[in-house]
Amino acid sequence: KANEDVIEEGVRSPEKRGMGTTCTLGVIRGSFLFVAHIGDSRGYLFRDGVLSRITDDHSVVEEEVRRGLLTPEQAWADSRRNIITRAIGLDHDPEVDTKCVELRSGDRIMFCSDGLNSMITDQEIESILNQGDAASSVQALIDAANNAGGSDNITVVVADTPTR
């Protein structure tokens, strides 16, 4: 529905034609996290002090990294890193990635827009998530991205699974 609404708005307003948006969302049911993802916003799992991505960017450079044409370090500096290959509003039948992740007690989940991960590295994100509770982590991540230049909007959501 969101996809069709974005496309229809582009038809109604020619200045908005071709617009799109990314989306990464999750639902927790029991001990499972169900994720749907399109674009270059990201989902991460922080477990036992280690950060891992649970989504793959749909971008030109990330696809080149997966094919072995660029290293992650080259991708970080590449001027094309924000050119996305999939998004809501670009196609009538978009391909959305889905994933199910089994959660453990004490896991931390983080979703963010590229305004965060294009300004600070995964290593910096991991370091910040190692400190404080979810709410203070969100603020610290936003502050770090802004201090690094904050050239885009920054959206961050952090949720902790209950400890047993």
C-alpha atoms as a PDB file:
ATOM      1  CA  LYS A   1       0.000   0.000   0.000  1.00  0.00           C
ATOM      2  CA  ALA A   2       2.791   2.416   0.904  1.00  0.00           C
ATOM      3  CA  ASN A   3       4.531   1.638  -2.377  1.00  0.00           C
ATOM      4  CA  GLU A   4       1.430   2.387  -4.437  1.00  0.00           C
ATOM      5  CA  ASP A   5       0.777   5.592  -2.434  1.00  0.00           C
ATOM      6  CA  VAL A   6       4.280   6.881  -3.192  1.00  0.00           C
ATOM      7  CA  ILE A   7       3.924   6.060  -6.892  1.00  0.00           C
ATOM      8  CA  GLU A   8       0.485   7.720  -7.056  1.00  0.00           C
ATOM      9  CA  GLU A   9       1.817  10.872  -5.378  1.00  0.00           C
ATOM     10  CA  GLY A  10       4.502  11.054  -8.070  1.00  0.00           C
ATOM     11  CA  VAL A  11       1.805  10.833 -10.738  1.00  0.00           C
ATOM     12  CA  ARG A  12      -0.303  13.552  -9.046  1.00  0.00           C
ATOM     13  CA  SER A  13       2.645  15.870  -8.465  1.00  0.00           C
ATOM     14  CA  PRO A  14       5.138  15.830 -11.360  1.00  0.00           C
ATOM     15  CA  GLU A  15       7.826  17.517  -9.218  1.00  0.00           C
ATOM     16  CA  LYS A  16       7.756  14.378  -7.015  1.00  0.00           C
ATOM     17  CA  ARG A  17       7.959  11.873  -9.889  1.00  0.00           C
ATOM     18  CA  GLY A  18      10.627   9.267  -9.271  1.00  0.00           C
ATOM     19  CA  MET A  19      10.711   9.821  -5.523  1.00  0.00           C
ATOM     20  CA  GLY A  20      11.204   6.820  -3.299  1.00  0.00           C
ATOM     21  CA  THR A  21      11.990   5.872   0.252  1.00  0.00           C
ATOM     22  CA  THR A  22      13.723   3.110   2.109  1.00  0.00           C
ATOM     23  CA  CYS A  23      12.145   0.981   4.816  1.00  0.00           C
ATOM     24  CA  THR A  24      13.492  -1.389   7.423  1.00  0.00           C
ATOM     25  CA  LEU A  25      10.987  -2.718   9.903  1.00  0.00           C
ATOM     26  CA  GLY A  26      10.796  -5.428  12.463  1.00  0.00           C
ATOM     27  CA  VAL A  27       8.237  -7.258  14.520  1.00  0.00           C
ATOM     28  CA  ILE A  28       9.103  -9.315  17.564  1.00  0.00           C
ATOM     29  CA  ARG A  29       6.954 -12.382  18.186  1.00  0.00           C
ATOM     30  CA  GLY A  30       8.070 -14.542  21.057  1.00  0.00           C
ATOM     31  CA  SER A  31      11.801 -15.069  20.661  1.00  0.00           C
ATOM     32  CA  PHE A  32      11.891 -14.184  16.951  1.00  0.00           C
ATOM     33  CA  LEU A  33      12.516 -10.928  15.108  1.00  0.00           C
ATOM     34  CA  PHE A  34      10.842 -10.779  11.698  1.00  0.00           C
ATOM     35  CA  VAL A  35      12.433  -8.171   9.416  1.00  0.00           C
ATOM     36  CA  ALA A  36      11.306  -6.672   6.096  1.00  0.00           C
ATOM     37  CA  HIS A  37      13.781  -4.428   4.303  1.00  0.00           C
ATOM     38  CA  ILE A  38      14.207  -2.416   1.113  1.00  0.00           C
ATOM     39  CA  GLY A  39      16.800   0.275   0.395  1.00  0.00           C
ATOM     40  CA  ASP A  40      19.827   1.365   2.390  1.00  0.00           C
ATOM     41  CA  SER A  41      18.421   1.873   5.854  1.00  0.00           C
ATOM     42  CA  ARG A  42      19.826  -0.878   8.049  1.00  0.00           C
ATOM     43  CA  GLY A  43      19.002  -3.412  10.701  1.00  0.00           C
ATOM     44  CA  TYR A  44      21.637  -4.601  13.164  1.00  0.00           C
ATOM     45  CA  LEU A  45      21.831  -7.164  15.944  1.00  0.00           C
ATOM     46  CA  PHE A  46      24.079  -6.391  18.894  1.00  0.00           C
ATOM     47  CA  ARG A  47      24.770  -9.607  20.808  1.00  0.00           C
ATOM     48  CA  ASP A  48      27.392 -10.241  23.495  1.00  0.00           C
ATOM     49  CA  GLY A  49      29.154  -6.977  22.661  1.00  0.00           C
ATOM     50  CA  VAL A  50      29.410  -7.719  18.925  1.00  0.00           C
ATOM     51  CA  LEU A  51      27.521  -5.819  16.214  1.00  0.00           C
ATOM     52  CA  SER A  52      26.327  -7.641  13.093  1.00  0.00           C
ATOM     53  CA  ARG A  53      24.214  -6.415  10.218  1.00  0.00           C
ATOM     54  CA  ILE A  54      21.014  -8.304   9.594  1.00  0.00           C
ATOM     55  CA  THR A  55      20.155  -6.462   6.368  1.00  0.00           C
ATOM     56  CA  ASP A  56      22.012  -5.934   3.110  1.00  0.00           C
ATOM     57  CA  ASP A  57      21.984  -2.485   1.509  1.00  0.00           C
ATOM     58  CA  HIS A  58      20.306  -2.241  -1.858  1.00  0.00           C
ATOM     59  CA  SER A  59      22.847   0.177  -3.267  1.00  0.00           C
ATOM     60  CA  VAL A  60      25.255   0.264  -6.191  1.00  0.00           C
ATOM     61  CA  VAL A  61      28.398   0.071  -4.063  1.00  0.00           C
ATOM     62  CA  GLU A  62      27.093  -2.571  -1.665  1.00  0.00           C
ATOM     63  CA  GLU A  63      26.213  -4.792  -4.607  1.00  0.00           C
ATOM     64  CA  GLU A  64      29.751  -4.282  -5.929  1.00  0.00           C
ATOM     65  CA  VAL A  65      31.140  -5.288  -2.520  1.00  0.00           C
ATOM     66  CA  ARG A  66      29.050  -8.486  -2.586  1.00  0.00           C
ATOM     67  CA  ARG A  67      30.390  -9.263  -6.095  1.00  0.00           C
ATOM     68  CA  GLY A  68      33.986  -8.652  -4.961  1.00  0.00           C
ATOM     69  CA  LEU A  69      34.489  -5.559  -7.127  1.00  0.00           C
ATOM     70  CA  LEU A  70      34.993  -3.216  -4.151  1.00  0.00           C
ATOM     71  CA  THR A  71      36.274  -3.703  -0.628  1.00  0.00           C
ATOM     72  CA  PRO A  72      34.147  -2.409   2.264  1.00  0.00           C
ATOM     73  CA  GLU A  73      36.779   0.310   2.772  1.00  0.00           C
ATOM     74  CA  GLN A  74      36.500   1.401  -0.866  1.00  0.00           C
ATOM     75  CA  ALA A  75      32.703   1.381  -0.607  1.00  0.00           C
ATOM     76  CA  TRP A  76      32.827   3.660   2.453  1.00  0.00           C
ATOM     77  CA  ALA A  77      34.663   6.339   0.429  1.00  0.00           C
ATOM     78  CA  ASP A  78      32.843   5.793  -2.893  1.00  0.00           C
ATOM     79  CA  SER A  79      30.792   8.792  -4.083  1.00  0.00           C
ATOM     80  CA  ARG A  80      28.081   6.404  -5.334  1.00  0.00           C
ATOM     81  CA  ARG A  81      27.401   4.811  -1.950  1.00  0.00           C
ATOM     82  CA  ASN A  82      24.009   6.508  -1.577  1.00  0.00           C
ATOM     83  CA  ILE A  83      22.696   5.460  -4.994  1.00  0.00           C
ATOM     84  CA  ILE A  84      20.052   2.893  -4.132  1.00  0.00           C
ATOM     85  CA  THR A  85      18.906   0.111  -6.410  1.00  0.00           C
ATOM     86  CA  ARG A  86      15.650  -0.757  -4.628  1.00  0.00           C
ATOM     87  CA  ALA A  87      13.152   1.419  -2.762  1.00  0.00           C
ATOM     88  CA  ILE A  88       9.492   1.958  -2.041  1.00  0.00           C
ATOM     89  CA  GLY A  89       7.930   3.972  -4.871  1.00  0.00           C
ATOM     90  CA  LEU A  90      10.290   3.056  -7.698  1.00  0.00           C
ATOM     91  CA  ASP A  91       8.598  -0.076  -9.075  1.00  0.00           C
ATOM     92  CA  HIS A  92       5.046  -1.400  -8.981  1.00  0.00           C
ATOM     93  CA  ASP A  93       6.253  -4.748  -7.646  1.00  0.00           C
ATOM     94  CA  PRO A  94       9.288  -4.038  -5.452  1.00  0.00           C
ATOM     95  CA  GLU A  95      11.455  -6.859  -4.166  1.00  0.00           C
ATOM     96  CA  VAL A  96      11.526  -6.696  -0.369  1.00  0.00           C
ATOM     97  CA  ASP A  97      14.019  -8.804   1.595  1.00  0.00           C
ATOM     98  CA  THR A  98      12.656 -10.679   4.601  1.00  0.00           C
ATOM     99  CA  LYS A  99      14.497 -12.399   7.380  1.00  0.00           C
ATOM    100  CA  CYS A 100      13.778 -14.139  10.660  1.00  0.00           C
ATOM    101  CA  VAL A 101      16.314 -13.852  13.482  1.00  0.00           C
ATOM    102  CA  GLU A 102      16.121 -15.887  16.662  1.00  0.00           C
ATOM    103  CA  LEU A 103      16.667 -13.593  19.619  1.00  0.00           C
ATOM    104  CA  ARG A 104      18.430 -14.337  22.871  1.00  0.00           C
ATOM    105  CA  SER A 105      18.059 -12.779  26.269  1.00  0.00           C
ATOM    106  CA  GLY A 106      20.022  -9.516  26.393  1.00  0.00           C
ATOM    107  CA  ASP A 107      20.169  -8.938  22.626  1.00  0.00           C
ATOM    108  CA  ARG A 108      19.923  -5.372  21.392  1.00  0.00           C
ATOM    109  CA  ILE A 109      18.317  -4.547  18.045  1.00  0.00           C
ATOM    110  CA  MET A 110      19.103  -1.340  16.166  1.00  0.00           C
ATOM    111  CA  PHE A 111      17.491   0.026  13.001  1.00  0.00           C
ATOM    112  CA  CYS A 112      18.824   3.209  11.413  1.00  0.00           C
ATOM    113  CA  SER A 113      18.680   5.400   8.357  1.00  0.00           C
ATOM    114  CA  ASP A 114      21.775   5.962   6.243  1.00  0.00           C
ATOM    115  CA  GLY A 115      22.161   9.315   7.966  1.00  0.00           C
ATOM    116  CA  LEU A 116      23.746   7.354  10.802  1.00  0.00           C
ATOM    117  CA  ASN A 117      25.778   4.644   9.073  1.00  0.00           C
ATOM    118  CA  SER A 118      27.074   6.985   6.367  1.00  0.00           C
ATOM    119  CA  MET A 119      28.579   9.263   9.025  1.00  0.00           C
ATOM    120  CA  ILE A 120      30.037   6.778  11.537  1.00  0.00           C
ATOM    121  CA  THR A 121      31.462   3.300  11.039  1.00  0.00           C
ATOM    122  CA  ASP A 122      30.007   0.038  12.280  1.00  0.00           C
ATOM    123  CA  GLN A 123      32.956  -0.104  14.694  1.00  0.00           C
ATOM    124  CA  GLU A 124      31.919   3.260  16.191  1.00  0.00           C
ATOM    125  CA  ILE A 125      28.276   2.125  16.374  1.00  0.00           C
ATOM    126  CA  GLU A 126      29.361  -1.045  18.184  1.00  0.00           C
ATOM    127  CA  SER A 127      31.400   0.964  20.687  1.00  0.00           C
ATOM    128  CA  ILE A 128      28.455   3.249  21.474  1.00  0.00           C
ATOM    129  CA  LEU A 129      26.015   0.345  21.821  1.00  0.00           C
ATOM    130  CA  ASN A 130      28.386  -1.166  24.387  1.00  0.00           C
ATOM    131  CA  GLN A 131      27.636   1.764  26.699  1.00  0.00           C
ATOM    132  CA  GLY A 132      24.429   2.590  28.541  1.00  0.00           C
ATOM    133  CA  ASP A 133      20.812   1.694  27.975  1.00  0.00           C
ATOM    134  CA  ALA A 134      18.832   1.821  24.728  1.00  0.00           C
ATOM    135  CA  ALA A 135      17.653   5.433  25.128  1.00  0.00           C
ATOM    136  CA  SER A 136      21.093   6.832  25.951  1.00  0.00           C
ATOM    137  CA  SER A 137      22.587   4.806  23.074  1.00  0.00           C
ATOM    138  CA  VAL A 138      20.149   6.408  20.619  1.00  0.00           C
ATOM    139  CA  GLN A 139      21.146   9.902  21.705  1.00  0.00           C
ATOM    140  CA  ALA A 140      24.860   9.055  21.690  1.00  0.00           C
ATOM    141  CA  LEU A 141      24.586   7.625  18.141  1.00  0.00           C
ATOM    142  CA  ILE A 142      22.759  10.713  16.862  1.00  0.00           C
ATOM    143  CA  ASP A 143      25.295  12.993  18.559  1.00  0.00           C
ATOM    144  CA  ALA A 144      28.201  11.026  17.039  1.00  0.00           C
ATOM    145  CA  ALA A 145      26.711  11.241  13.530  1.00  0.00           C
ATOM    146  CA  ASN A 146      26.065  14.967  13.911  1.00  0.00           C
ATOM    147  CA  ASN A 147      29.586  15.517  15.256  1.00  0.00           C
ATOM    148  CA  ALA A 148      30.925  13.677  12.186  1.00  0.00           C
ATOM    149  CA  GLY A 149      29.149  16.137   9.893  1.00  0.00           C
ATOM    150  CA  GLY A 150      25.479  15.120  10.074  1.00  0.00           C
ATOM    151  CA  SER A 151      24.892  15.648   6.358  1.00  0.00           C
ATOM    152  CA  ASP A 152      21.580  13.710   6.231  1.00  0.00           C
ATOM    153  CA  ASN A 153      18.570  13.093   8.433  1.00  0.00           C
ATOM    154  CA  ILE A 154      19.364  10.604  11.195  1.00  0.00           C
ATOM    155  CA  THR A 155      16.821   8.064  12.390  1.00  0.00           C
ATOM    156  CA  VAL A 156      17.771   5.484  15.015  1.00  0.00           C
ATOM    157  CA  VAL A 157      15.678   2.964  16.943  1.00  0.00           C
ATOM    158  CA  VAL A 158      17.231   0.745  19.608  1.00  0.00           C
ATOM    159  CA  ALA A 159      15.368  -1.995  21.476  1.00  0.00           C
ATOM    160  CA  ASP A 160      16.639  -4.421  24.079  1.00  0.00           C
ATOM    161  CA  THR A 161      15.270  -7.899  24.534  1.00  0.00           C
ATOM    162  CA  PRO A 162      14.395  -8.712  28.124  1.00  0.00           C
ATOM    163  CA  THR A 163      17.074 -10.403  30.184  1.00  0.00           C
ATOM    164  CA  ARG A 164      15.916 -13.576  31.858  1.00  0.00           C
END
